[in-house]
Amino acid sequence: MNGKWAFIGGILAGIAGVFTAAAVAVELENGKSVSCDTVNESQRLALPEGEGR
């Protein structure tokens, strides 16, 4: 019976860890866009013009 509780506890801890990691990633991403110089998406995704021609 102890082994079952340890297994269930491990599963619950793993699930909680996944949700915690996702929340931290979202917070880091949101903080990064506020503190750094922001570039709008069209500028970031624009291809360089005139290179290699």
PDB file of N, CA and C in Angstrom:
ATOM      1  N   MET A   1       0.822  -1.196   0.000  1.00  0.00           N
ATOM      2  CA  MET A   1       0.000   0.000   0.000  1.00  0.00           C
ATOM      3  C   MET A   1       0.868   1.262   0.000  1.00  0.00           C
ATOM      4  N   ASN A   2       2.017   1.211   0.695  1.00  0.00           N
ATOM      5  CA  ASN A   2       2.920   2.368   0.703  1.00  0.00           C
ATOM      6  C   ASN A   2       3.439   2.691  -0.684  1.00  0.00           C
ATOM      7  N   GLY A   3       3.706   1.661  -1.466  1.00  0.00           N
ATOM      8  CA  GLY A   3       4.191   1.868  -2.828  1.00  0.00           C
ATOM      9  C   GLY A   3       3.168   2.562  -3.703  1.00  0.00           C
ATOM     10  N   LYS A   4       1.899   2.224  -3.504  1.00  0.00           N
ATOM     11  CA  LYS A   4       0.845   2.874  -4.291  1.00  0.00           C
ATOM     12  C   LYS A   4       0.762   4.351  -3.974  1.00  0.00           C
ATOM     13  N   TRP A   5       0.860   4.692  -2.668  1.00  0.00           N
ATOM     14  CA  TRP A   5       0.777   6.104  -2.286  1.00  0.00           C
ATOM     15  C   TRP A   5       1.979   6.884  -2.805  1.00  0.00           C
ATOM     16  N   ALA A   6       3.143   6.253  -2.801  1.00  0.00           N
ATOM     17  CA  ALA A   6       4.335   6.916  -3.326  1.00  0.00           C
ATOM     18  C   ALA A   6       4.190   7.157  -4.828  1.00  0.00           C
ATOM     19  N   PHE A   7       3.638   6.174  -5.532  1.00  0.00           N
ATOM     20  CA  PHE A   7       3.425   6.310  -6.974  1.00  0.00           C
ATOM     21  C   PHE A   7       2.430   7.428  -7.265  1.00  0.00           C
ATOM     22  N   ILE A   8       1.320   7.445  -6.555  1.00  0.00           N
ATOM     23  CA  ILE A   8       0.301   8.483  -6.757  1.00  0.00           C
ATOM     24  C   ILE A   8       0.871   9.856  -6.405  1.00  0.00           C
ATOM     25  N   GLY A   9       1.635   9.932  -5.328  1.00  0.00           N
ATOM     26  CA  GLY A   9       2.261  11.202  -4.958  1.00  0.00           C
ATOM     27  C   GLY A   9       3.250  11.678  -6.012  1.00  0.00           C
ATOM     28  N   GLY A  10       3.991  10.753  -6.589  1.00  0.00           N
ATOM     29  CA  GLY A  10       4.931  11.119  -7.651  1.00  0.00           C
ATOM     30  C   GLY A  10       4.230  11.639  -8.884  1.00  0.00           C
ATOM     31  N   ILE A  11       3.123  11.009  -9.236  1.00  0.00           N
ATOM     32  CA  ILE A  11       2.350  11.474 -10.395  1.00  0.00           C
ATOM     33  C   ILE A  11       1.807  12.879 -10.143  1.00  0.00           C
ATOM     34  N   LEU A  12       1.255  13.085  -8.942  1.00  0.00           N
ATOM     35  CA  LEU A  12       0.707  14.413  -8.626  1.00  0.00           C
ATOM     36  C   LEU A  12       1.801  15.475  -8.589  1.00  0.00           C
ATOM     37  N   ALA A  13       2.959  15.135  -8.067  1.00  0.00           N
ATOM     38  CA  ALA A  13       4.075  16.084  -8.043  1.00  0.00           C
ATOM     39  C   ALA A  13       4.543  16.408  -9.458  1.00  0.00           C
ATOM     40  N   GLY A  14       4.568  15.419 -10.334  1.00  0.00           N
ATOM     41  CA  GLY A  14       4.951  15.656 -11.723  1.00  0.00           C
ATOM     42  C   GLY A  14       3.978  16.563 -12.449  1.00  0.00           C
ATOM     43  N   ILE A  15       2.694  16.331 -12.230  1.00  0.00           N
ATOM     44  CA  ILE A  15       1.676  17.172 -12.857  1.00  0.00           C
ATOM     45  C   ILE A  15       1.789  18.608 -12.337  1.00  0.00           C
ATOM     46  N   ALA A  16       1.970  18.757 -11.033  1.00  0.00           N
ATOM     47  CA  ALA A  16       2.124  20.096 -10.464  1.00  0.00           C
ATOM     48  C   ALA A  16       3.380  20.772 -11.014  1.00  0.00           C
ATOM     49  N   GLY A  17       4.435  20.018 -11.218  1.00  0.00           N
ATOM     50  CA  GLY A  17       5.668  20.569 -11.775  1.00  0.00           C
ATOM     51  C   GLY A  17       5.491  21.067 -13.197  1.00  0.00           C
ATOM     52  N   VAL A  18       4.729  20.332 -13.989  1.00  0.00           N
ATOM     53  CA  VAL A  18       4.479  20.755 -15.373  1.00  0.00           C
ATOM     54  C   VAL A  18       3.705  22.069 -15.391  1.00  0.00           C
ATOM     55  N   PHE A  19       2.671  22.168 -14.559  1.00  0.00           N
ATOM     56  CA  PHE A  19       1.897  23.402 -14.520  1.00  0.00           C
ATOM     57  C   PHE A  19       2.728  24.562 -13.983  1.00  0.00           C
ATOM     58  N   THR A  20       3.580  24.305 -13.014  1.00  0.00           N
ATOM     59  CA  THR A  20       4.442  25.354 -12.474  1.00  0.00           C
ATOM     60  C   THR A  20       5.437  25.833 -13.527  1.00  0.00           C
ATOM     61  N   ALA A  21       6.036  24.912 -14.256  1.00  0.00           N
ATOM     62  CA  ALA A  21       6.979  25.287 -15.304  1.00  0.00           C
ATOM     63  C   ALA A  21       6.297  26.112 -16.392  1.00  0.00           C
ATOM     64  N   ALA A  22       5.069  25.745 -16.753  1.00  0.00           N
ATOM     65  CA  ALA A  22       4.333  26.512 -17.762  1.00  0.00           C
ATOM     66  C   ALA A  22       4.032  27.916 -17.258  1.00  0.00           C
ATOM     67  N   ALA A  23       3.635  28.043 -16.006  1.00  0.00           N
ATOM     68  CA  ALA A  23       3.332  29.361 -15.446  1.00  0.00           C
ATOM     69  C   ALA A  23       4.591  30.228 -15.392  1.00  0.00           C
ATOM     70  N   VAL A  24       5.708  29.641 -14.999  1.00  0.00           N
ATOM     71  CA  VAL A  24       6.968  30.396 -14.953  1.00  0.00           C
ATOM     72  C   VAL A  24       7.379  30.830 -16.345  1.00  0.00           C
ATOM     73  N   ALA A  25       7.224  29.968 -17.337  1.00  0.00           N
ATOM     74  CA  ALA A  25       7.586  30.319 -18.706  1.00  0.00           C
ATOM     75  C   ALA A  25       6.741  31.479 -19.214  1.00  0.00           C
ATOM     76  N   VAL A  26       5.455  31.465 -18.910  1.00  0.00           N
ATOM     77  CA  VAL A  26       4.577  32.554 -19.340  1.00  0.00           C
ATOM     78  C   VAL A  26       4.993  33.856 -18.663  1.00  0.00           C
ATOM     79  N   GLU A  27       5.289  33.806 -17.378  1.00  0.00           N
ATOM     80  CA  GLU A  27       5.696  35.014 -16.661  1.00  0.00           C
ATOM     81  C   GLU A  27       7.028  35.555 -17.191  1.00  0.00           C
ATOM     82  N   LEU A  28       7.973  34.673 -17.480  1.00  0.00           N
ATOM     83  CA  LEU A  28       9.251  35.123 -18.026  1.00  0.00           C
ATOM     84  C   LEU A  28       9.071  35.739 -19.399  1.00  0.00           C
ATOM     85  N   GLU A  29       8.211  35.151 -20.213  1.00  0.00           N
ATOM     86  CA  GLU A  29       7.956  35.688 -21.543  1.00  0.00           C
ATOM     87  C   GLU A  29       7.297  37.058 -21.456  1.00  0.00           C
ATOM     88  N   ASN A  30       6.345  37.215 -20.559  1.00  0.00           N
ATOM     89  CA  ASN A  30       5.680  38.507 -20.399  1.00  0.00           C
ATOM     90  C   ASN A  30       6.642  39.544 -19.846  1.00  0.00           C
ATOM     91  N   GLY A  31       7.480  39.181 -18.922  1.00  0.00           N
ATOM     92  CA  GLY A  31       8.439  40.114 -18.355  1.00  0.00           C
ATOM     93  C   GLY A  31       9.496  40.524 -19.350  1.00  0.00           C
ATOM     94  N   LYS A  32       9.895  39.600 -20.205  1.00  0.00           N
ATOM     95  CA  LYS A  32      10.913  39.887 -21.199  1.00  0.00           C
ATOM     96  C   LYS A  32      10.434  40.933 -22.185  1.00  0.00           C
ATOM     97  N   SER A  33       9.187  40.848 -22.614  1.00  0.00           N
ATOM     98  CA  SER A  33       8.690  41.780 -23.612  1.00  0.00           C
ATOM     99  C   SER A  33       8.516  43.177 -23.043  1.00  0.00           C
ATOM    100  N   VAL A  34       8.366  43.299 -21.725  1.00  0.00           N
ATOM    101  CA  VAL A  34       8.205  44.614 -21.107  1.00  0.00           C
ATOM    102  C   VAL A  34       9.559  45.263 -20.855  1.00  0.00           C
ATOM    103  N   SER A  35      10.545  44.489 -20.413  1.00  0.00           N
ATOM    104  CA  SER A  35      11.813  45.072 -20.005  1.00  0.00           C
ATOM    105  C   SER A  35      12.787  45.285 -21.164  1.00  0.00           C
ATOM    106  N   CYS A  36      12.648  44.554 -22.239  1.00  0.00           N
ATOM    107  CA  CYS A  36      13.571  44.677 -23.362  1.00  0.00           C
ATOM    108  C   CYS A  36      12.976  45.592 -24.427  1.00  0.00           C
ATOM    109  N   ASP A  37      13.834  45.981 -25.360  1.00  0.00           N
ATOM    110  CA  ASP A  37      13.335  46.754 -26.493  1.00  0.00           C
ATOM    111  C   ASP A  37      12.420  45.868 -27.315  1.00  0.00           C
ATOM    112  N   THR A  38      11.219  46.334 -27.537  1.00  0.00           N
ATOM    113  CA  THR A  38      10.264  45.515 -28.265  1.00  0.00           C
ATOM    114  C   THR A  38      10.333  45.831 -29.749  1.00  0.00           C
ATOM    115  N   VAL A  39      10.245  44.790 -30.532  1.00  0.00           N
ATOM    116  CA  VAL A  39      10.198  44.913 -31.984  1.00  0.00           C
ATOM    117  C   VAL A  39       8.898  44.275 -32.405  1.00  0.00           C
ATOM    118  N   ASN A  40       8.120  44.997 -33.216  1.00  0.00           N
ATOM    119  CA  ASN A  40       6.837  44.401 -33.590  1.00  0.00           C
ATOM    120  C   ASN A  40       7.066  43.182 -34.473  1.00  0.00           C
ATOM    121  N   GLU A  41       6.068  42.352 -34.567  1.00  0.00           N
ATOM    122  CA  GLU A  41       6.222  41.049 -35.206  1.00  0.00           C
ATOM    123  C   GLU A  41       6.580  41.165 -36.682  1.00  0.00           C
ATOM    124  N   SER A  42       6.050  42.150 -37.385  1.00  0.00           N
ATOM    125  CA  SER A  42       6.351  42.277 -38.813  1.00  0.00           C
ATOM    126  C   SER A  42       7.817  42.621 -39.032  1.00  0.00           C
ATOM    127  N   GLN A  43       8.408  43.429 -38.151  1.00  0.00           N
ATOM    128  CA  GLN A  43       9.828  43.746 -38.287  1.00  0.00           C
ATOM    129  C   GLN A  43      10.693  42.548 -37.932  1.00  0.00           C
ATOM    130  N   ARG A  44      10.289  41.802 -36.940  1.00  0.00           N
ATOM    131  CA  ARG A  44      11.083  40.655 -36.499  1.00  0.00           C
ATOM    132  C   ARG A  44      11.073  39.558 -37.557  1.00  0.00           C
ATOM    133  N   LEU A  45       9.952  39.385 -38.253  1.00  0.00           N
ATOM    134  CA  LEU A  45       9.829  38.315 -39.226  1.00  0.00           C
ATOM    135  C   LEU A  45      10.219  38.741 -40.642  1.00  0.00           C
ATOM    136  N   ALA A  46      10.539  40.007 -40.847  1.00  0.00           N
ATOM    137  CA  ALA A  46      10.864  40.496 -42.176  1.00  0.00           C
ATOM    138  C   ALA A  46      12.162  39.868 -42.665  1.00  0.00           C
ATOM    139  N   LEU A  47      12.186  39.512 -43.934  1.00  0.00           N
ATOM    140  CA  LEU A  47      13.385  38.952 -44.540  1.00  0.00           C
ATOM    141  C   LEU A  47      14.330  40.075 -44.919  1.00  0.00           C
ATOM    142  N   PRO A  48      15.626  39.856 -44.801  1.00  0.00           N
ATOM    143  CA  PRO A  48      16.576  40.897 -45.212  1.00  0.00           C
ATOM    144  C   PRO A  48      16.487  41.126 -46.713  1.00  0.00           C
ATOM    145  N   GLU A  49      16.540  42.366 -47.114  1.00  0.00           N
ATOM    146  CA  GLU A  49      16.400  42.697 -48.530  1.00  0.00           C
ATOM    147  C   GLU A  49      17.764  42.957 -49.135  1.00  0.00           C
ATOM    148  N   GLY A  50      17.970  42.458 -50.348  1.00  0.00           N
ATOM    149  CA  GLY A  50      19.162  42.774 -51.118  1.00  0.00           C
ATOM    150  C   GLY A  50      20.400  41.971 -50.749  1.00  0.00           C
ATOM    151  N   GLU A  51      20.317  41.026 -49.840  1.00  0.00           N
ATOM    152  CA  GLU A  51      21.506  40.258 -49.492  1.00  0.00           C
ATOM    153  C   GLU A  51      21.651  39.083 -50.472  1.00  0.00           C
ATOM    154  N   GLY A  52      22.868  38.903 -50.957  1.00  0.00           N
ATOM    155  CA  GLY A  52      23.161  37.765 -51.806  1.00  0.00           C
ATOM    156  C   GLY A  52      22.726  37.938 -53.253  1.00  0.00           C
ATOM    157  N   ARG A  53      22.371  39.143 -53.622  1.00  0.00           N
ATOM    158  CA  ARG A  53      21.963  39.359 -55.029  1.00  0.00           C
ATOM    159  C   ARG A  53      22.975  40.160 -55.761  1.00  0.00           C
TER     160      ARG A  53
END
